[in-house]
C-alpha atoms as a PDB file:
ATOM      1  CA  MET A   1       0.013   0.109  -0.024  1.00  0.00           C
ATOM      2  CA  VAL A   2       1.348   3.536  -0.856  1.00  0.00           C
ATOM      3  CA  LYS A   3      -0.141   6.989  -0.039  1.00  0.00           C
ATOM      4  CA  PHE A   4      -0.206   9.474  -2.979  1.00  0.00           C
ATOM      5  CA  ASN A   5      -1.569  12.760  -2.502  1.00  0.00           C
ATOM      6  CA  GLY A   6      -3.965  11.519   0.526  1.00  0.00           C
ATOM      7  CA  GLU A   7      -5.255   8.458  -1.836  1.00  0.00           C
ATOM      8  CA  THR A   8      -4.283   5.188  -0.944  1.00  0.00           C
ATOM      9  CA  ILE A   9      -2.882   2.898  -3.896  1.00  0.00           C
ATOM     10  CA  GLU A  10      -3.296  -0.903  -2.615  1.00  0.00           C
ATOM     11  CA  ALA A  11      -0.727  -3.453  -3.836  1.00  0.00           C
ATOM     12  CA  GLN A  12      -3.741  -5.475  -5.461  1.00  0.00           C
ATOM     13  CA  ALA A  13      -4.720  -2.428  -7.798  1.00  0.00           C
ATOM     14  CA  PHE A  14      -1.443  -2.128  -9.120  1.00  0.00           C
ATOM     15  CA  GLN A  15      -0.968  -5.942  -9.355  1.00  0.00           C
ATOM     16  CA  ALA A  16      -4.270  -6.306 -11.269  1.00  0.00           C
ATOM     17  CA  GLU A  17      -3.475  -3.334 -13.607  1.00  0.00           C
ATOM     18  CA  PHE A  18       0.310  -4.792 -14.292  1.00  0.00           C
ATOM     19  CA  GLN A  19      -1.348  -8.103 -14.943  1.00  0.00           C
ATOM     20  CA  ARG A  20      -3.981  -6.612 -17.237  1.00  0.00           C
ATOM     21  CA  ALA A  21      -1.103  -4.753 -19.188  1.00  0.00           C
ATOM     22  CA  LEU A  22       1.242  -7.691 -19.430  1.00  0.00           C
ATOM     23  CA  SER A  23      -1.522  -9.887 -20.770  1.00  0.00           C
ATOM     24  CA  ALA A  24      -2.417  -7.390 -23.583  1.00  0.00           C
ATOM     25  CA  ALA A  25       1.152  -6.957 -24.195  1.00  0.00           C
ATOM     26  CA  THR A  26       1.948 -10.631 -24.310  1.00  0.00           C
ATOM     27  CA  GLN A  27      -0.785 -10.993 -26.825  1.00  0.00           C
ATOM     28  CA  GLN A  28       1.051  -8.942 -29.154  1.00  0.00           C
ATOM     29  CA  LEU A  29       4.010 -11.334 -29.379  1.00  0.00           C
ATOM     30  CA  PRO A  30       4.314 -14.125 -31.622  1.00  0.00           C
ATOM     31  CA  PRO A  31       2.626 -17.554 -30.186  1.00  0.00           C
ATOM     32  CA  GLY A  32       4.958 -18.954 -27.663  1.00  0.00           C
ATOM     33  CA  GLN A  33       7.250 -16.056 -27.057  1.00  0.00           C
ATOM     34  CA  GLU A  34       7.305 -14.802 -23.500  1.00  0.00           C
ATOM     35  CA  ALA A  35       7.788 -11.037 -22.585  1.00  0.00           C
ATOM     36  CA  THR A  36      11.571 -10.084 -21.855  1.00  0.00           C
ATOM     37  CA  PRO A  37      12.357  -8.865 -18.353  1.00  0.00           C
ATOM     38  CA  ASP A  38      12.834  -5.446 -20.023  1.00  0.00           C
ATOM     39  CA  ARG A  39       9.480  -5.612 -21.480  1.00  0.00           C
ATOM     40  CA  LYS A  40       7.760  -6.547 -18.286  1.00  0.00           C
ATOM     41  CA  ARG A  41       9.664  -3.611 -16.418  1.00  0.00           C
ATOM     42  CA  LYS A  42       8.303  -1.353 -19.249  1.00  0.00           C
ATOM     43  CA  VAL A  43       4.961  -2.562 -18.711  1.00  0.00           C
ATOM     44  CA  GLY A  44       5.045  -2.233 -14.870  1.00  0.00           C
ATOM     45  CA  ASP A  45       6.351   1.382 -15.286  1.00  0.00           C
ATOM     46  CA  LYS A  46       3.528   2.316 -17.463  1.00  0.00           C
ATOM     47  CA  ALA A  47       0.949   0.338 -15.004  1.00  0.00           C
ATOM     48  CA  LEU A  48       2.264   2.328 -12.143  1.00  0.00           C
ATOM     49  CA  GLU A  49       1.980   5.491 -14.127  1.00  0.00           C
ATOM     50  CA  ARG A  50      -1.724   4.690 -14.681  1.00  0.00           C
ATOM     51  CA  VAL A  51      -2.455   3.833 -11.188  1.00  0.00           C
ATOM     52  CA  VAL A  52      -0.879   6.755  -9.693  1.00  0.00           C
ATOM     53  CA  GLY A  53      -2.599   8.923 -12.385  1.00  0.00           C
ATOM     54  CA  GLU A  54      -6.126   7.670 -11.395  1.00  0.00           C
ATOM     55  CA  ALA A  55      -5.048   8.223  -7.504  1.00  0.00           C
ATOM     56  CA  ALA A  56      -4.203  11.790  -8.542  1.00  0.00           C
ATOM     57  CA  MET A  57      -7.395  12.371 -10.532  1.00  0.00           C
ATOM     58  CA  ASN A  58      -9.499  10.777  -7.712  1.00  0.00           C
ATOM     59  CA  GLY A  59      -7.704  13.433  -5.511  1.00  0.00           C
ATOM     60  CA  VAL A  60      -8.616  16.171  -7.679  1.00  0.00           C
ATOM     61  CA  LEU A  61     -12.122  15.137  -7.988  1.00  0.00           C
ATOM     62  CA  ARG A  62     -12.468  14.547  -4.164  1.00  0.00           C
ATOM     63  CA  ASP A  63     -10.980  18.135  -3.326  1.00  0.00           C
ATOM     64  CA  MET A  64     -13.540  19.682  -5.899  1.00  0.00           C
ATOM     65  CA  ARG A  65     -16.297  17.589  -4.293  1.00  0.00           C
ATOM     66  CA  LEU A  66     -17.115  16.107  -7.914  1.00  0.00           C
ATOM     67  CA  VAL A  67     -19.228  13.231  -7.701  1.00  0.00           C
ATOM     68  CA  SER A  68     -21.233  11.083 -10.151  1.00  0.00           C
ATOM     69  CA  PRO A  69     -24.161   9.186  -9.099  1.00  0.00           C
ATOM     70  CA  ASP A  70     -23.978   5.264  -9.621  1.00  0.00           C
ATOM     71  CA  SER A  71     -26.762   4.866 -11.855  1.00  0.00           C
ATOM     72  CA  PRO A  72     -25.211   7.131 -14.863  1.00  0.00           C
ATOM     73  CA  VAL A  73     -21.959   5.409 -14.364  1.00  0.00           C
ATOM     74  CA  ALA A  74     -23.280   1.800 -14.595  1.00  0.00           C
ATOM     75  CA  ALA A  75     -25.485   2.828 -17.530  1.00  0.00           C
ATOM     76  CA  ALA A  76     -22.224   4.295 -19.288  1.00  0.00           C
ATOM     77  CA  VAL A  77     -20.485   1.142 -18.413  1.00  0.00           C
ATOM     78  CA  ARG A  78     -23.432  -1.095 -19.862  1.00  0.00           C
ATOM     79  CA  GLY A  79     -23.148   0.774 -23.036  1.00  0.00           C
ATOM     80  CA  MET A  80     -19.583   0.152 -23.625  1.00  0.00           C
ATOM     81  CA  PRO A  81     -18.500  -2.479 -26.257  1.00  0.00           C
END
Protein backbone atom coordinates (compact mmCIF):
# COMPACT_ATOMS: atom_id res chain seq x y z
CA MET A 1 0.00 0.00 0.00
CA VAL A 2 1.19 3.49 -0.90
CA LYS A 3 -0.27 6.90 -0.11
CA PHE A 4 -0.23 9.44 -2.92
CA ASN A 5 -1.67 12.91 -2.41
CA GLY A 6 -3.98 11.59 0.29
CA GLU A 7 -5.16 8.68 -1.88
CA THR A 8 -4.34 5.10 -0.95
CA ILE A 9 -3.01 2.88 -3.72
CA GLU A 10 -3.40 -0.75 -2.75
CA ALA A 11 -0.85 -3.28 -3.98
CA GLN A 12 -3.73 -5.31 -5.40
CA ALA A 13 -4.77 -2.37 -7.61
CA PHE A 14 -1.27 -2.14 -9.07
CA GLN A 15 -1.00 -5.91 -9.46
CA ALA A 16 -4.34 -6.08 -11.29
CA GLU A 17 -3.35 -3.26 -13.65
CA PHE A 18 0.07 -4.83 -14.25
CA GLN A 19 -1.46 -8.24 -15.03
CA ARG A 20 -4.00 -6.66 -17.39
CA ALA A 21 -1.32 -4.68 -19.21
CA LEU A 22 1.12 -7.61 -19.34
CA SER A 23 -1.57 -9.86 -20.77
CA ALA A 24 -2.33 -7.28 -23.46
CA ALA A 25 1.37 -6.86 -24.26
CA THR A 26 1.93 -10.63 -24.38
CA GLN A 27 -0.95 -11.08 -26.84
CA GLN A 28 0.96 -8.85 -29.28
CA LEU A 29 3.94 -11.23 -29.28
CA PRO A 30 4.32 -14.19 -31.64
CA PRO A 31 2.78 -17.43 -30.29
CA GLY A 32 4.95 -19.10 -27.66
CA GLN A 33 7.15 -16.06 -27.08
CA GLU A 34 7.41 -14.71 -23.53
CA ALA A 35 7.81 -11.07 -22.58
CA THR A 36 11.42 -10.19 -21.77
CA PRO A 37 12.34 -8.85 -18.32
CA ASP A 38 12.88 -5.42 -19.93
CA ARG A 39 9.42 -5.53 -21.51
CA LYS A 40 7.87 -6.55 -18.17
CA ARG A 41 9.65 -3.65 -16.46
CA LYS A 42 8.31 -1.20 -19.06
CA VAL A 43 4.80 -2.62 -18.68
CA GLY A 44 5.16 -2.28 -14.90
CA ASP A 45 6.30 1.33 -15.21
CA LYS A 46 3.29 2.19 -17.39
CA ALA A 47 0.93 0.33 -15.05
CA LEU A 48 2.30 2.30 -12.10
CA GLU A 49 1.85 5.56 -14.03
CA ARG A 50 -1.79 4.67 -14.70
CA VAL A 51 -2.52 3.70 -11.09
CA VAL A 52 -0.85 6.83 -9.72
CA GLY A 53 -2.61 8.97 -12.34
CA GLU A 54 -5.95 7.52 -11.32
CA ALA A 55 -5.18 8.22 -7.66
CA ALA A 56 -4.20 11.80 -8.54
CA MET A 57 -7.42 12.30 -10.48
CA ASN A 58 -9.46 10.84 -7.63
CA GLY A 59 -7.78 13.29 -5.25
CA VAL A 60 -8.58 16.25 -7.50
CA LEU A 61 -12.19 15.11 -7.88
CA ARG A 62 -12.49 14.66 -4.12
CA ASP A 63 -11.00 18.11 -3.45
CA MET A 64 -13.42 19.65 -5.95
CA ARG A 65 -16.25 17.63 -4.40
CA LEU A 66 -17.22 16.25 -7.79
CA VAL A 67 -19.17 13.01 -7.74
CA SER A 68 -21.17 11.01 -10.21
CA PRO A 69 -24.25 9.08 -9.17
CA ASP A 70 -23.92 5.32 -9.56
CA SER A 71 -26.75 4.90 -12.08
CA PRO A 72 -25.25 7.09 -14.88
CA VAL A 73 -21.85 5.43 -14.40
CA ALA A 74 -23.41 1.96 -14.50
CA ALA A 75 -25.38 2.88 -17.65
CA ALA A 76 -22.22 4.19 -19.34
CA VAL A 77 -20.32 1.00 -18.46
CA ARG A 78 -23.15 -1.21 -19.74
CA GLY A 79 -23.10 0.75 -23.01
CA MET A 80 -19.42 0.09 -23.63
CA PRO A 81 -18.61 -2.45 -26.35
